[in-house]
Amino acid sequence: MNEPLHPTSNGEAHQTADVQIPEATLHKHYLSGEFFITAEAAQAHDVDEVLRWFNGPHEPVTVGDTRDIGHGLKAYFGYDDSKPMRKALFVRIY
């Protein structure tokens, strides 16, 4: 199996531990999959406000992309082939 694709080499994403955003919160924004946010970002920002970016107009993303999503945050779009397909794609907000 491959290692999960996530930002680690540049040090930029090394912050506090990640918190998984609850499925119920994702469903309010018509999102699915696994979304994670650093504890630091979750404490500093309203998660609902942060998730609104994902429903707005923007260029398509692919696995491995990192995007500026406003509020001084970035979102990394990753893939972990050790998980079942419905959970293999994930977003990490930091």
Protein backbone atom coordinates (compact mmCIF):
# COMPACT_ATOMS: atom_id res chain seq x y z
CA MET A 1 0.00 0.00 0.00
CA ASN A 2 1.05 3.55 -0.61
CA GLU A 3 1.55 6.10 2.10
CA PRO A 4 -1.38 8.52 2.47
CA LEU A 5 -0.88 11.64 0.41
CA HIS A 6 -0.66 14.53 2.83
CA PRO A 7 1.54 17.58 3.26
CA THR A 8 4.43 16.77 5.55
CA SER A 9 7.65 17.57 3.76
CA ASN A 10 7.33 21.34 3.71
CA GLY A 11 6.53 21.74 7.41
CA GLU A 12 3.69 24.11 6.54
CA ALA A 13 1.00 21.67 7.64
CA HIS A 14 2.73 20.70 10.88
CA GLN A 15 0.52 22.39 13.42
CA THR A 16 -1.56 20.95 16.21
CA ALA A 17 -3.38 17.62 16.05
CA ASP A 18 -6.20 17.17 13.56
CA VAL A 19 -9.85 16.92 14.55
CA GLN A 20 -12.30 15.11 12.28
CA ILE A 21 -15.24 17.29 11.29
CA PRO A 22 -18.46 15.42 12.18
CA GLU A 23 -20.51 13.90 9.36
CA ALA A 24 -23.60 15.86 10.45
CA THR A 25 -21.69 19.12 9.95
CA LEU A 26 -20.51 18.00 6.51
CA HIS A 27 -24.04 17.03 5.49
CA LYS A 28 -25.28 20.56 6.31
CA HIS A 29 -22.90 21.75 3.58
CA TYR A 30 -23.66 18.89 1.15
CA LEU A 31 -20.17 17.47 1.64
CA SER A 32 -19.08 13.88 2.10
CA GLY A 33 -15.91 11.98 2.77
CA GLU A 34 -13.52 12.74 5.57
CA PHE A 35 -12.64 16.30 6.49
CA PHE A 36 -10.05 17.12 9.13
CA ILE A 37 -9.11 20.46 10.64
CA THR A 38 -6.27 21.30 12.95
CA ALA A 39 -7.40 21.92 16.51
CA GLU A 40 -5.82 25.36 16.30
CA ALA A 41 -7.86 26.27 13.18
CA ALA A 42 -11.07 24.83 14.66
CA GLN A 43 -10.67 26.98 17.77
CA ALA A 44 -9.91 30.14 15.80
CA HIS A 45 -12.61 29.84 13.12
CA ASP A 46 -16.27 28.93 12.77
CA VAL A 47 -16.16 25.53 11.02
CA ASP A 48 -19.46 26.19 9.22
CA GLU A 49 -18.03 29.41 7.78
CA VAL A 50 -14.86 27.61 6.68
CA LEU A 51 -16.84 24.81 4.97
CA ARG A 52 -18.84 27.30 2.89
CA TRP A 53 -15.80 27.66 0.62
CA PHE A 54 -16.33 24.13 -0.70
CA ASN A 55 -19.73 25.06 -2.17
CA GLY A 56 -18.53 28.20 -3.90
CA PRO A 57 -17.16 28.56 -7.40
CA HIS A 58 -13.51 27.61 -7.78
CA GLU A 59 -11.25 25.66 -10.10
CA PRO A 60 -11.43 21.86 -9.96
CA VAL A 61 -9.02 20.16 -7.58
CA THR A 62 -7.11 16.90 -7.82
CA VAL A 63 -5.48 14.69 -5.24
CA GLY A 64 -2.37 16.36 -3.92
CA ASP A 65 -3.62 19.93 -4.45
CA THR A 66 -3.48 22.54 -1.71
CA ARG A 67 -5.80 25.53 -1.97
CA ASP A 68 -6.13 28.79 -0.08
CA ILE A 69 -9.69 28.70 1.25
CA GLY A 70 -9.76 32.09 2.95
CA HIS A 71 -9.72 32.94 6.64
CA GLY A 72 -5.93 32.45 6.48
CA LEU A 73 -6.49 28.71 5.99
CA LYS A 74 -5.50 26.15 3.39
CA ALA A 75 -7.09 22.87 2.38
CA TYR A 76 -5.09 19.87 1.26
CA PHE A 77 -6.91 17.28 -0.88
CA GLY A 78 -5.45 13.86 -0.15
CA TYR A 79 -5.94 10.17 -0.77
CA ASP A 80 -5.28 7.24 1.57
CA ASP A 81 -5.49 3.91 -0.27
CA SER A 82 -5.43 1.98 3.01
CA LYS A 83 -9.03 3.08 3.63
CA PRO A 84 -12.25 1.99 1.90
CA MET A 85 -13.01 4.01 -1.24
CA ARG A 86 -15.72 6.15 0.37
CA LYS A 87 -13.21 7.28 3.00
CA ALA A 88 -10.03 7.22 0.91
CA LEU A 89 -10.39 10.79 -0.31
CA PHE A 90 -9.98 13.37 2.42
CA VAL A 91 -9.54 17.08 3.01
CA ARG A 92 -7.21 18.48 5.65
CA ILE A 93 -7.78 22.10 6.65
CA TYR A 94 -4.92 23.93 8.34
